[in-house]
Amino acid sequence: MVARKRLRWVGLVLIALGVSFAIAFPDSARQAATLPLLASFSLGRMAAAYLLALVFAIAYGTTMALSKRAAVVMLPLLDVLQSVPILGFFPAALVFFVATFQGHPAGLEIAVIFLIFTSMAWNMAFGVYESITTIPKDLEDAARVFALGDWLRFRRLVFPAMVPKLVYNSMLSWSNGWFFLVASEIFTAFGATYARPGLGAFIADRGDAGDVAGILIGVGVLAAVVLTLDALIWRPLSIWSERFRIDTTGTGQPVPRVSGVYERLAWLPRFTRLRQWLGSRVRPLMERYSRLATRFDRATSAHRQVMRAIRWIDLGMFLAIFVVVVGSGLAGLSTLLLKPLPAAAYTIPEATLRSFSRLALAYAVSLAWTIPAAVVIARNPRASRVLTPVIEVSASIPATALLPLILGFAIAIAPSQGTGTELAAFLIALFAMQWYLLFNLIAGVRAIPGDLDEAARAFGLRGLAYWRRLLVPAMIPSLLTGSITAWGAGWNALVVSEYIRFGGVRPYTVTGLGSLIDIATFDVPDSEVLLLSILTMVLVVLAMNKLLWRPLFKRAIKRYRLEG
């Protein structure tokens, strides 16, 4: 009853604020009437892109983790895909989708979904790969002893092991999708502007017009959507994923129940009859799926040579396509390099160094607060109930939607406009990188088996010793995965942070690879500078992954892998 009374007061306050806003800003209020429909359009595109990313991540990440030969090719390819900024996928989206459908809205919709997909899939695939490669060796040995077939092993060992990391990375990828929604629903390439109705296009249009009231309305609707999804989907999923924690004994911590603010939603209708009707319809499908899975498992076990041949054929087709694509790219690049380079190309080394320094500072600041915050959230149930919804909502509100606030704050506290723009670029890069570290670290700490934690406390480990002997080793694989994806997201965010459009005036820019890509795409279209900038970004990311992150990750798997 108390909760209902509070909700009534909250509703009255919101209604009063809405009426006051409509009176103060009538034009913006008329535009706000269309926002629920625009939100449904954006949500549909996000859902479609997420489902594609989920299928891709499970298939790609599992293949990389279970096949060392395939990983030799697939890991570097995933590094390349992660390092390509979203603007780099615009030409592919235009050629394959827009041109194929001859400008039909269906082609534009598919192009937008594809662009959002590129902002979600790579992080999830890395999460699946890390989850499978860190499965305790004794569980893998047990699967071999019991002679589990490929499909049964996937269902009983591999998929449950990836669920916690997949859920947390799904939340993060969903947030990243909102981040790039503004750039996906309205984009300019080859001298033409393409737009689809949605929240991202609305926020981008209001930002270009300098309409602060319209931007706040769009951000408010986006926050409402994020809160609803968090309460009804992501928070229950994150708690459900705790059931798949790997405990080497049965003394682990009990699975937490949905509590706190979410218990106050208990008064909502439960639709018992509808759920029973859906359950009666879904149950036969699940039973049929189980029977088919058993038959499929028997078939794969009985015809291993056929399955091995299919895998080789699939790998051969992939390599053939890869060789054709790489060959075409090298041919085009050689043609480009044989010609005199444009003047802007000579600024790429300095721009790369500036962008790298900016991202390094953002990464250091992110580490400084995400490591202790992850431990507090993962180990303290009360802090988790309070902070998790706040963090999930904050991560889901894209920095692109907060550009006016970030830019205004930076210019207000900076002594000059140049310094203010530099500070705004740093803050946007910080927004893009910090959540990857935080969510991965939370998942890493929560994956600590309960019996190990109890043993550490029984031996009197406290303070620095507790961190050095248990927390830090448990976090390192997740920290490295989060670092790889955070740096990839940071390089992608440069196209937003180093070239800020607001108010229809001259863009706020700082020297960097992101601003070079934006200028070559929007202001002075130059395909040569665009290609060279993207290739430079790809090479830098590949070099970091190959020389730094991958060796550290392999060492962490061997040294800090949980064993029974």
Protein backbone atom coordinates (compact mmCIF):
# COMPACT_ATOMS: atom_id res chain seq x y z
CA MET A 1 0.00 0.00 0.00
CA VAL A 2 2.84 2.36 0.82
CA ALA A 3 4.42 1.63 -2.55
CA ARG A 4 1.17 2.46 -4.33
CA LYS A 5 0.85 5.77 -2.49
CA ARG A 6 4.40 6.69 -3.40
CA LEU A 7 3.78 5.77 -7.02
CA ARG A 8 0.69 7.97 -7.05
CA TRP A 9 2.71 10.92 -5.82
CA VAL A 10 5.42 10.19 -8.38
CA GLY A 11 2.77 10.02 -11.09
CA LEU A 12 1.24 13.33 -10.03
CA VAL A 13 4.65 15.01 -9.98
CA LEU A 14 5.45 13.67 -13.46
CA ILE A 15 2.09 14.83 -14.80
CA ALA A 16 2.64 18.30 -13.33
CA LEU A 17 6.11 18.48 -14.85
CA GLY A 18 4.74 17.36 -18.20
CA VAL A 19 1.99 19.99 -18.19
CA SER A 20 4.45 22.70 -17.14
CA PHE A 21 6.84 21.70 -19.88
CA ALA A 22 4.06 21.69 -22.50
CA ILE A 23 3.06 25.21 -21.48
CA ALA A 24 6.65 26.49 -21.49
CA PHE A 25 7.72 24.75 -24.72
CA PRO A 26 4.62 24.13 -26.89
CA ASP A 27 6.59 23.31 -30.05
CA SER A 28 8.72 20.74 -28.29
CA ALA A 29 5.63 19.28 -26.62
CA ARG A 30 3.99 18.72 -30.04
CA GLN A 31 7.10 16.92 -31.18
CA ALA A 32 7.12 14.81 -28.01
CA ALA A 33 3.72 13.35 -28.92
CA THR A 34 5.40 11.31 -31.67
CA LEU A 35 8.21 10.00 -29.46
CA PRO A 36 6.47 6.79 -28.25
CA LEU A 37 6.11 5.69 -31.88
CA LEU A 38 9.72 6.68 -32.63
CA ALA A 39 10.84 4.77 -29.54
CA SER A 40 9.05 1.64 -30.78
CA PHE A 41 10.85 1.93 -34.14
CA SER A 42 14.25 2.24 -32.46
CA LEU A 43 13.49 -0.56 -30.02
CA GLY A 44 12.50 -2.87 -32.90
CA ARG A 45 15.78 -2.17 -34.71
CA MET A 46 17.76 -2.70 -31.50
CA ALA A 47 16.01 -6.02 -30.86
CA ALA A 48 16.65 -7.27 -34.40
CA ALA A 49 20.31 -6.24 -34.25
CA TYR A 50 20.73 -7.85 -30.82
CA LEU A 51 19.26 -11.19 -31.95
CA LEU A 52 21.65 -11.24 -34.91
CA ALA A 53 24.56 -10.32 -32.63
CA LEU A 54 23.58 -13.04 -30.13
CA VAL A 55 23.56 -15.76 -32.78
CA PHE A 56 26.82 -14.47 -34.24
CA ALA A 57 28.54 -14.24 -30.83
CA ILE A 58 27.59 -17.78 -29.75
CA ALA A 59 28.57 -19.33 -33.08
CA TYR A 60 31.75 -17.30 -33.63
CA GLY A 61 32.98 -17.29 -30.03
CA THR A 62 32.36 -21.01 -29.56
CA THR A 63 34.17 -21.88 -32.79
CA MET A 64 37.19 -19.75 -31.79
CA ALA A 65 37.37 -21.28 -28.33
CA LEU A 66 36.97 -24.94 -29.35
CA SER A 67 39.11 -24.93 -32.49
CA LYS A 68 42.68 -23.66 -32.18
CA ARG A 69 43.17 -23.85 -35.95
CA ALA A 70 40.09 -21.74 -36.61
CA ALA A 71 41.12 -19.28 -33.90
CA VAL A 72 44.36 -18.55 -35.77
CA VAL A 73 42.25 -16.91 -38.50
CA MET A 74 39.12 -15.88 -36.61
CA LEU A 75 40.74 -13.99 -33.71
CA PRO A 76 42.69 -11.54 -35.90
CA LEU A 77 39.62 -11.08 -38.09
CA LEU A 78 37.54 -10.23 -35.02
CA ASP A 79 40.24 -7.76 -33.97
CA VAL A 80 39.97 -6.10 -37.38
CA LEU A 81 36.17 -5.95 -37.27
CA GLN A 82 36.25 -4.47 -33.75
CA SER A 83 38.76 -1.82 -34.77
CA VAL A 84 36.82 -0.55 -37.79
CA PRO A 85 34.80 2.52 -36.67
CA ILE A 86 31.09 2.50 -37.39
CA LEU A 87 31.63 5.13 -40.09
CA GLY A 88 33.87 2.61 -41.81
CA PHE A 89 30.90 0.28 -42.24
CA PHE A 90 28.78 2.96 -43.95
CA PRO A 91 30.09 2.22 -47.46
CA ALA A 92 29.43 -1.51 -47.01
CA ALA A 93 25.92 -0.78 -45.70
CA LEU A 94 25.23 1.50 -48.66
CA VAL A 95 26.58 -0.88 -51.29
CA PHE A 96 25.08 -4.11 -49.99
CA PHE A 97 21.76 -2.88 -48.64
CA VAL A 98 20.78 0.56 -49.89
CA ALA A 99 21.99 0.07 -53.46
CA THR A 100 20.66 -3.49 -53.62
CA PHE A 101 17.16 -2.34 -52.68
CA GLN A 102 17.54 0.75 -54.92
CA GLY A 103 16.85 3.21 -52.10
CA HIS A 104 13.74 1.38 -50.85
CA PRO A 105 12.99 1.91 -47.12
CA ALA A 106 13.50 -1.82 -46.54
CA GLY A 107 17.15 -1.46 -47.62
CA LEU A 108 17.62 1.50 -45.28
CA GLU A 109 16.11 -0.45 -42.39
CA ILE A 110 18.44 -3.38 -43.00
CA ALA A 111 21.39 -0.97 -43.26
CA VAL A 112 20.53 0.62 -39.89
CA ILE A 113 20.12 -2.80 -38.24
CA PHE A 114 23.46 -3.88 -39.69
CA LEU A 115 25.21 -0.76 -38.37
CA ILE A 116 23.75 -1.31 -34.87
CA PHE A 117 24.77 -4.98 -35.13
CA THR A 118 28.39 -3.92 -35.69
CA SER A 119 28.30 -2.02 -32.39
CA MET A 120 27.03 -5.07 -30.46
CA ALA A 121 28.47 -8.27 -31.85
CA TRP A 122 32.24 -8.08 -31.29
CA ASN A 123 32.06 -7.51 -27.53
CA MET A 124 29.66 -10.44 -27.07
CA ALA A 125 31.86 -12.73 -29.17
CA PHE A 126 34.91 -11.87 -27.04
CA GLY A 127 32.87 -12.61 -23.91
CA VAL A 128 31.84 -16.04 -25.19
CA TYR A 129 35.45 -16.81 -26.15
CA GLU A 130 36.74 -15.86 -22.69
CA SER A 131 34.03 -17.87 -20.91
CA ILE A 132 34.80 -21.08 -22.78
CA THR A 133 38.59 -20.77 -22.64
CA THR A 134 38.45 -20.34 -18.84
CA ILE A 135 36.27 -23.41 -18.11
CA PRO A 136 38.02 -25.37 -15.33
CA LYS A 137 40.07 -28.20 -16.76
CA ASP A 138 38.57 -30.80 -14.42
CA LEU A 139 35.12 -30.15 -15.90
CA GLU A 140 36.50 -30.62 -19.40
CA ASP A 141 38.17 -33.85 -18.29
CA ALA A 142 34.87 -35.02 -16.80
CA ALA A 143 33.12 -34.34 -20.12
CA ARG A 144 35.73 -36.48 -21.91
CA VAL A 145 35.46 -39.29 -19.34
CA PHE A 146 31.69 -39.43 -19.79
CA ALA A 147 32.20 -39.37 -23.59
CA LEU A 148 29.82 -36.46 -24.12
CA GLY A 149 29.11 -35.83 -27.79
CA ASP A 150 29.67 -32.42 -29.33
CA TRP A 151 26.07 -31.26 -29.04
CA LEU A 152 25.51 -32.68 -25.56
CA ARG A 153 28.80 -31.14 -24.40
CA PHE A 154 27.68 -27.79 -25.75
CA ARG A 155 24.33 -27.96 -23.98
CA ARG A 156 25.61 -29.30 -20.63
CA LEU A 157 29.01 -27.62 -20.29
CA VAL A 158 29.85 -24.96 -22.88
CA PHE A 159 26.57 -23.02 -22.99
CA PRO A 160 26.05 -22.92 -19.19
CA ALA A 161 29.65 -21.70 -18.81
CA MET A 162 29.07 -18.80 -21.20
CA VAL A 163 25.71 -17.66 -19.76
CA PRO A 164 26.97 -15.28 -16.99
CA LYS A 165 29.48 -13.51 -19.22
CA LEU A 166 27.05 -13.51 -22.14
CA VAL A 167 24.31 -11.86 -20.07
CA TYR A 168 26.60 -9.11 -18.77
CA ASN A 169 28.12 -8.51 -22.19
CA SER A 170 24.62 -8.47 -23.68
CA MET A 171 23.69 -5.68 -21.29
CA LEU A 172 26.84 -3.84 -22.29
CA SER A 173 26.33 -4.42 -26.02
CA TRP A 174 22.73 -3.25 -25.71
CA SER A 175 24.01 -0.07 -24.07
CA ASN A 176 26.59 0.33 -26.82
CA GLY A 177 23.80 -0.05 -29.37
CA TRP A 178 22.03 2.95 -27.83
CA PHE A 179 25.35 4.80 -27.97
CA PHE A 180 25.59 4.40 -31.76
CA LEU A 181 21.86 4.60 -32.44
CA VAL A 182 22.18 8.33 -33.07
CA ALA A 183 24.89 7.72 -35.68
CA SER A 184 23.03 4.79 -37.27
CA GLU A 185 19.53 6.20 -37.80
CA ILE A 186 20.76 9.30 -39.59
CA PHE A 187 24.07 9.29 -41.46
CA THR A 188 25.71 11.04 -44.38
CA ALA A 189 27.93 9.31 -46.92
CA PHE A 190 28.89 9.95 -50.54
CA GLY A 191 27.18 13.32 -50.46
CA ALA A 192 23.75 11.93 -49.49
CA THR A 193 21.96 11.84 -46.13
CA TYR A 194 20.03 8.73 -45.10
CA ALA A 195 17.61 8.74 -42.18
CA ARG A 196 14.98 6.51 -40.63
CA PRO A 197 12.43 7.59 -38.02
CA GLY A 198 13.53 6.80 -34.49
CA LEU A 199 14.81 8.19 -31.22
CA GLY A 200 18.37 8.39 -32.52
CA ALA A 201 17.36 10.42 -35.58
CA PHE A 202 15.19 12.67 -33.39
CA ILE A 203 18.03 13.39 -30.93
CA ALA A 204 20.50 13.97 -33.77
CA ASP A 205 18.10 16.34 -35.53
CA ARG A 206 17.40 18.32 -32.34
CA GLY A 207 21.13 18.45 -31.56
CA ASP A 208 21.95 19.78 -35.03
CA ALA A 209 19.23 22.43 -34.56
CA GLY A 210 20.52 23.36 -31.10
CA ASP A 211 17.14 22.55 -29.52
CA VAL A 212 18.11 21.77 -25.93
CA ALA A 213 14.48 21.21 -24.87
CA GLY A 214 13.97 18.69 -27.68
CA ILE A 215 17.17 16.89 -26.75
CA LEU A 216 16.08 16.66 -23.10
CA ILE A 217 12.71 15.23 -24.16
CA GLY A 218 14.41 12.63 -26.35
CA VAL A 219 16.84 11.70 -23.57
CA GLY A 220 13.92 11.49 -21.10
CA VAL A 221 12.01 9.06 -23.33
CA LEU A 222 15.20 7.08 -23.88
CA ALA A 223 15.76 6.90 -20.11
CA ALA A 224 12.18 5.68 -19.60
CA VAL A 225 12.71 2.94 -22.19
CA VAL A 226 16.01 1.96 -20.57
CA LEU A 227 14.47 1.81 -17.08
CA THR A 228 11.60 -0.35 -18.30
CA LEU A 229 13.88 -2.79 -20.08
CA ASP A 230 16.21 -2.90 -17.09
CA ALA A 231 13.38 -3.72 -14.68
CA LEU A 232 11.61 -6.27 -16.88
CA ILE A 233 14.47 -7.93 -18.78
CA TRP A 234 18.08 -7.19 -17.89
CA ARG A 235 17.90 -7.21 -14.09
CA PRO A 236 15.98 -10.54 -13.94
CA LEU A 237 18.37 -12.00 -16.53
CA SER A 238 21.44 -10.94 -14.55
CA ILE A 239 20.04 -12.62 -11.42
CA TRP A 240 19.05 -15.73 -13.41
CA SER A 241 22.62 -15.96 -14.76
CA GLU A 242 23.91 -16.40 -11.19
CA ARG A 243 22.52 -19.96 -11.35
CA PHE A 244 25.31 -20.82 -13.80
CA ARG A 245 28.21 -19.81 -11.58
CA ILE A 246 30.88 -22.52 -11.49
CA ASP A 247 31.19 -23.84 -7.94
CA THR A 248 33.51 -26.78 -7.33
CA THR A 249 31.44 -27.84 -4.30
CA GLY A 250 27.90 -27.32 -3.17
CA THR A 251 28.79 -24.72 -0.55
CA GLY A 252 28.46 -21.72 -2.81
CA GLN A 253 26.38 -18.71 -2.04
CA PRO A 254 22.64 -18.99 -2.68
CA VAL A 255 21.20 -17.46 -5.80
CA PRO A 256 19.96 -13.97 -4.94
CA ARG A 257 16.35 -13.16 -5.51
CA VAL A 258 14.93 -10.10 -7.19
CA SER A 259 14.53 -7.66 -4.36
CA GLY A 260 14.76 -4.02 -3.46
CA VAL A 261 13.15 -1.62 -5.89
CA TYR A 262 12.05 -4.46 -8.16
CA GLU A 263 9.84 -5.98 -5.45
CA ARG A 264 7.76 -2.81 -5.68
CA LEU A 265 6.70 -3.89 -9.17
CA ALA A 266 4.86 -6.87 -7.65
CA TRP A 267 1.54 -5.01 -7.85
CA LEU A 268 1.71 -5.08 -11.67
CA PRO A 269 -0.63 -7.62 -13.35
CA ARG A 270 0.97 -11.04 -13.76
CA PHE A 271 -1.22 -12.30 -16.65
CA THR A 272 -1.44 -15.76 -15.12
CA ARG A 273 -3.82 -17.20 -17.71
CA LEU A 274 -1.80 -15.79 -20.60
CA ARG A 275 1.40 -17.26 -19.16
CA GLN A 276 -0.29 -20.63 -18.68
CA TRP A 277 -1.57 -20.54 -22.25
CA LEU A 278 1.86 -19.65 -23.59
CA GLY A 279 3.45 -22.35 -21.44
CA SER A 280 1.08 -24.98 -22.78
CA ARG A 281 2.01 -23.94 -26.34
CA VAL A 282 5.76 -23.67 -25.74
CA ARG A 283 6.17 -26.89 -23.70
CA PRO A 284 5.56 -29.28 -26.65
CA LEU A 285 8.04 -27.28 -28.73
CA MET A 286 10.69 -27.58 -26.02
CA GLU A 287 10.06 -31.31 -25.67
CA ARG A 288 10.35 -31.72 -29.43
CA TYR A 289 13.55 -29.68 -29.38
CA SER A 290 14.97 -31.93 -26.66
CA ARG A 291 14.18 -35.07 -28.68
CA LEU A 292 15.69 -33.57 -31.84
CA ALA A 293 18.77 -32.50 -29.89
CA THR A 294 19.23 -36.04 -28.61
CA ARG A 295 18.89 -37.47 -32.11
CA PHE A 296 21.28 -34.89 -33.49
CA ASP A 297 23.79 -35.70 -30.79
CA ARG A 298 23.60 -39.41 -31.63
CA ALA A 299 23.95 -38.67 -35.34
CA THR A 300 27.03 -36.49 -34.84
CA SER A 301 28.59 -39.14 -32.60
CA ALA A 302 27.95 -41.90 -35.14
CA HIS A 303 29.18 -39.93 -38.16
CA ARG A 304 32.20 -38.04 -36.93
CA GLN A 305 33.94 -38.23 -40.31
CA VAL A 306 30.98 -36.58 -42.04
CA MET A 307 30.86 -33.79 -39.45
CA ARG A 308 34.63 -33.28 -39.77
CA ALA A 309 34.28 -33.05 -43.55
CA ILE A 310 31.48 -30.48 -43.21
CA ARG A 311 33.67 -28.38 -40.92
CA TRP A 312 36.54 -28.47 -43.41
CA ILE A 313 34.20 -27.51 -46.27
CA ASP A 314 32.83 -24.62 -44.21
CA LEU A 315 36.34 -23.46 -43.30
CA GLY A 316 37.40 -23.74 -46.95
CA MET A 317 34.48 -21.59 -48.11
CA PHE A 318 35.29 -19.02 -45.44
CA LEU A 319 38.96 -18.90 -46.46
CA ALA A 320 38.03 -18.55 -50.15
CA ILE A 321 35.75 -15.59 -49.42
CA PHE A 322 38.35 -14.11 -47.09
CA VAL A 323 41.09 -14.38 -49.75
CA VAL A 324 38.85 -12.73 -52.35
CA VAL A 325 37.94 -9.85 -50.03
CA VAL A 326 41.52 -9.33 -48.83
CA GLY A 327 42.84 -9.58 -52.38
CA SER A 328 40.41 -6.96 -53.60
CA GLY A 329 41.30 -4.69 -50.70
CA LEU A 330 45.04 -5.06 -51.29
CA ALA A 331 44.58 -4.35 -54.99
CA GLY A 332 42.64 -1.17 -54.21
CA LEU A 333 45.19 -0.14 -51.58
CA SER A 334 48.13 -0.65 -53.94
CA THR A 335 46.38 1.50 -56.55
CA LEU A 336 45.86 4.19 -53.92
CA LEU A 337 49.47 4.14 -52.68
CA LEU A 338 50.89 4.40 -56.20
CA LYS A 339 49.25 7.80 -56.57
CA PRO A 340 50.48 10.97 -54.80
CA LEU A 341 49.10 11.13 -51.28
CA PRO A 342 46.68 13.96 -50.39
CA ALA A 343 47.97 16.67 -48.07
CA ALA A 344 45.74 15.54 -45.19
CA ALA A 345 47.40 12.11 -45.23
CA TYR A 346 50.62 13.56 -43.81
CA THR A 347 48.77 14.60 -40.63
CA ILE A 348 47.77 11.00 -39.83
CA PRO A 349 50.83 10.16 -37.62
CA GLU A 350 50.26 13.17 -35.37
CA ALA A 351 46.50 12.52 -35.29
CA THR A 352 47.13 8.88 -34.31
CA LEU A 353 49.42 9.91 -31.44
CA ARG A 354 46.89 12.49 -30.18
CA SER A 355 44.03 9.98 -30.29
CA PHE A 356 46.11 7.28 -28.56
CA SER A 357 47.09 9.67 -25.75
CA ARG A 358 43.46 10.69 -25.29
CA LEU A 359 42.30 7.07 -25.06
CA ALA A 360 45.18 6.10 -22.74
CA LEU A 361 44.13 8.80 -20.27
CA ALA A 362 40.49 7.73 -20.46
CA TYR A 363 41.52 4.09 -19.90
CA ALA A 364 43.62 5.00 -16.85
CA VAL A 365 40.76 6.98 -15.29
CA SER A 366 38.35 4.13 -16.06
CA LEU A 367 40.60 1.59 -14.31
CA ALA A 368 40.97 3.86 -11.29
CA TRP A 369 37.26 3.72 -10.42
CA THR A 370 35.90 0.54 -12.08
CA ILE A 371 38.09 -1.96 -10.20
CA PRO A 372 37.00 -0.94 -6.66
CA ALA A 373 33.42 -0.28 -7.85
CA ALA A 374 33.18 -3.78 -9.39
CA VAL A 375 34.33 -5.41 -6.16
CA VAL A 376 31.85 -3.42 -4.06
CA ILE A 377 28.94 -4.17 -6.40
CA ALA A 378 29.77 -7.87 -6.79
CA ARG A 379 30.52 -8.62 -3.12
CA ASN A 380 28.00 -6.39 -1.34
CA PRO A 381 24.33 -7.37 -1.95
CA ARG A 382 23.00 -4.09 -0.57
CA ALA A 383 25.32 -2.02 -2.77
CA SER A 384 24.39 -4.20 -5.75
CA ARG A 385 20.67 -3.58 -5.24
CA VAL A 386 21.20 0.18 -5.09
CA LEU A 387 24.01 0.74 -7.61
CA THR A 388 23.33 -1.86 -10.32
CA PRO A 389 20.14 -0.20 -11.67
CA VAL A 390 21.84 3.22 -11.59
CA ILE A 391 24.88 1.93 -13.48
CA GLU A 392 22.82 0.00 -16.03
CA VAL A 393 20.71 3.07 -16.77
CA SER A 394 23.76 5.35 -16.91
CA ALA A 395 25.52 2.96 -19.29
CA SER A 396 22.45 2.74 -21.52
CA ILE A 397 22.08 6.49 -22.00
CA PRO A 398 24.42 7.22 -24.92
CA ALA A 399 26.98 9.97 -24.62
CA THR A 400 25.84 11.09 -28.08
CA ALA A 401 22.50 12.02 -26.51
CA LEU A 402 24.27 13.93 -23.75
CA LEU A 403 26.53 15.92 -26.08
CA PRO A 404 24.99 19.31 -25.19
CA LEU A 405 25.46 18.68 -21.46
CA ILE A 406 28.99 17.30 -21.86
CA LEU A 407 30.02 20.09 -24.22
CA GLY A 408 28.44 22.80 -22.06
CA PHE A 409 30.07 21.41 -18.90
CA ALA A 410 33.49 21.16 -20.57
CA ILE A 411 33.40 24.68 -22.03
CA ALA A 412 32.08 26.12 -18.74
CA ILE A 413 34.98 24.85 -16.64
CA ALA A 414 37.73 25.14 -19.30
CA PRO A 415 39.65 28.40 -19.73
CA SER A 416 39.38 28.36 -23.55
CA GLN A 417 37.15 26.82 -26.19
CA GLY A 418 39.98 24.61 -27.46
CA THR A 419 40.62 23.22 -23.99
CA GLY A 420 36.89 22.77 -23.47
CA THR A 421 36.54 20.79 -26.69
CA GLU A 422 39.52 18.66 -25.67
CA LEU A 423 37.90 17.99 -22.29
CA ALA A 424 34.59 17.10 -23.99
CA ALA A 425 36.42 14.65 -26.29
CA PHE A 426 38.05 13.03 -23.25
CA LEU A 427 34.74 12.73 -21.36
CA ILE A 428 32.98 11.10 -24.32
CA ALA A 429 35.87 8.64 -24.72
CA LEU A 430 35.62 7.93 -20.97
CA PHE A 431 31.88 7.24 -21.33
CA ALA A 432 32.61 4.83 -24.18
CA MET A 433 35.36 2.84 -22.41
CA GLN A 434 34.47 2.66 -18.72
CA TRP A 435 31.36 0.47 -18.97
CA TYR A 436 33.21 -2.31 -20.81
CA LEU A 437 35.67 -2.54 -17.95
CA LEU A 438 33.05 -2.28 -15.22
CA PHE A 439 30.62 -4.91 -16.52
CA ASN A 440 33.40 -7.39 -17.34
CA LEU A 441 34.98 -6.90 -13.91
CA ILE A 442 31.64 -7.38 -12.14
CA ALA A 443 31.11 -10.62 -14.06
CA GLY A 444 34.65 -11.75 -13.19
CA VAL A 445 34.23 -11.12 -9.45
CA ARG A 446 30.81 -12.76 -9.35
CA ALA A 447 32.23 -15.82 -11.12
CA ILE A 448 34.47 -16.60 -8.13
CA PRO A 449 33.30 -19.96 -6.75
CA GLY A 450 31.67 -19.65 -3.35
CA ASP A 451 33.87 -22.34 -1.81
CA LEU A 452 37.05 -20.46 -2.77
CA ASP A 453 35.72 -17.30 -1.16
CA GLU A 454 34.77 -19.22 1.98
CA ALA A 455 38.19 -20.88 2.08
CA ALA A 456 39.93 -17.51 1.75
CA ARG A 457 37.94 -16.11 4.64
CA ALA A 458 38.47 -19.26 6.71
CA PHE A 459 42.24 -18.84 6.31
CA GLY A 460 41.93 -15.29 7.54
CA LEU A 461 42.65 -13.46 4.31
CA ARG A 462 41.70 -9.83 4.77
CA GLY A 463 42.53 -6.51 3.20
CA LEU A 464 45.47 -6.44 0.81
CA ALA A 465 46.13 -10.19 1.10
CA TYR A 466 42.50 -10.96 0.15
CA TRP A 467 42.86 -8.75 -2.91
CA ARG A 468 46.27 -10.15 -3.89
CA ARG A 469 45.44 -13.83 -3.39
CA LEU A 470 41.83 -14.02 -4.62
CA LEU A 471 40.22 -10.92 -6.11
CA VAL A 472 42.98 -9.76 -8.46
CA PRO A 473 43.72 -13.24 -9.92
CA ALA A 474 39.99 -13.82 -10.43
CA MET A 475 39.55 -10.45 -12.16
CA ILE A 476 42.53 -10.60 -14.52
CA PRO A 477 40.93 -12.61 -17.39
CA SER A 478 37.83 -10.41 -17.28
CA LEU A 479 40.00 -7.29 -16.96
CA LEU A 480 41.89 -8.22 -20.12
CA THR A 481 38.69 -8.99 -22.03
CA GLY A 482 37.23 -5.70 -20.86
CA SER A 483 40.43 -3.89 -21.84
CA ILE A 484 40.39 -5.33 -25.37
CA THR A 485 36.76 -4.35 -25.94
CA ALA A 486 37.14 -1.01 -24.13
CA TRP A 487 40.00 0.07 -26.37
CA GLY A 488 38.05 -1.10 -29.42
CA ALA A 489 35.06 0.94 -28.28
CA GLY A 490 37.32 3.88 -27.55
CA TRP A 491 38.74 3.91 -31.07
CA ASN A 492 35.18 3.69 -32.42
CA ALA A 493 34.03 6.53 -30.18
CA LEU A 494 36.67 8.84 -31.63
CA VAL A 495 34.36 9.56 -34.57
CA VAL A 496 31.91 11.02 -32.03
CA SER A 497 34.25 12.54 -29.45
CA GLU A 498 36.69 14.36 -31.75
CA TYR A 499 34.08 15.88 -34.06
CA ILE A 500 31.05 17.23 -32.18
CA ARG A 501 28.12 18.71 -34.08
CA PHE A 502 25.74 20.91 -32.12
CA GLY A 503 23.56 23.89 -32.87
CA GLY A 504 24.16 23.95 -36.63
CA VAL A 505 27.38 25.93 -36.13
CA ARG A 506 30.92 24.98 -37.04
CA PRO A 507 31.68 21.54 -35.49
CA TYR A 508 33.79 21.40 -32.35
CA THR A 509 36.87 19.44 -33.38
CA VAL A 510 40.19 18.33 -31.94
CA THR A 511 43.16 16.80 -33.74
CA GLY A 512 42.84 13.05 -34.06
CA LEU A 513 42.00 10.10 -36.28
CA GLY A 514 38.30 10.43 -35.49
CA SER A 515 38.14 14.02 -36.69
CA LEU A 516 40.05 13.08 -39.87
CA ILE A 517 37.50 10.33 -40.60
CA ASP A 518 34.58 12.68 -39.93
CA ILE A 519 35.98 15.48 -42.09
CA ALA A 520 36.71 13.04 -44.93
CA THR A 521 33.14 11.73 -44.63
CA PHE A 522 31.05 14.87 -44.00
CA ASP A 523 32.84 18.16 -44.63
CA VAL A 524 35.27 17.48 -47.48
CA PRO A 525 34.49 14.00 -48.87
CA ASP A 526 37.81 12.30 -49.58
CA SER A 527 37.77 8.53 -49.97
CA GLU A 528 41.59 8.32 -49.93
CA VAL A 529 41.99 10.06 -46.56
CA LEU A 530 39.04 8.08 -45.19
CA LEU A 531 40.58 4.76 -46.25
CA LEU A 532 44.06 5.65 -44.96
CA SER A 533 42.66 6.83 -41.60
CA ILE A 534 40.59 3.67 -41.13
CA LEU A 535 43.54 1.47 -42.11
CA THR A 536 45.76 3.31 -39.61
CA MET A 537 43.20 2.75 -36.87
CA VAL A 538 42.93 -0.94 -37.77
CA LEU A 539 46.71 -1.37 -37.74
CA VAL A 540 47.07 0.33 -34.34
CA VAL A 541 44.35 -1.83 -32.78
CA LEU A 542 45.79 -5.00 -34.33
CA ALA A 543 49.28 -4.13 -33.07
CA MET A 544 47.99 -3.54 -29.52
CA ASN A 545 45.99 -6.76 -29.53
CA LYS A 546 48.79 -8.85 -31.03
CA LEU A 547 51.70 -7.44 -29.02
CA LEU A 548 49.98 -6.61 -25.71
CA TRP A 549 46.52 -7.96 -25.01
CA ARG A 550 46.70 -11.43 -26.63
CA PRO A 551 49.97 -12.49 -24.91
CA LEU A 552 48.64 -11.22 -21.58
CA PHE A 553 45.32 -13.02 -22.11
CA LYS A 554 47.00 -16.37 -22.94
CA ARG A 555 49.22 -16.06 -19.90
CA ALA A 556 46.25 -15.21 -17.69
CA ILE A 557 44.30 -18.26 -18.92
CA LYS A 558 47.18 -20.55 -17.98
CA ARG A 559 48.07 -18.90 -14.68
CA TYR A 560 44.70 -17.78 -13.29
CA ARG A 561 42.35 -20.44 -14.62
CA LEU A 562 40.04 -21.80 -11.93
CA GLU A 563 40.79 -25.45 -11.19
CA GLY A 564 39.04 -27.82 -8.85
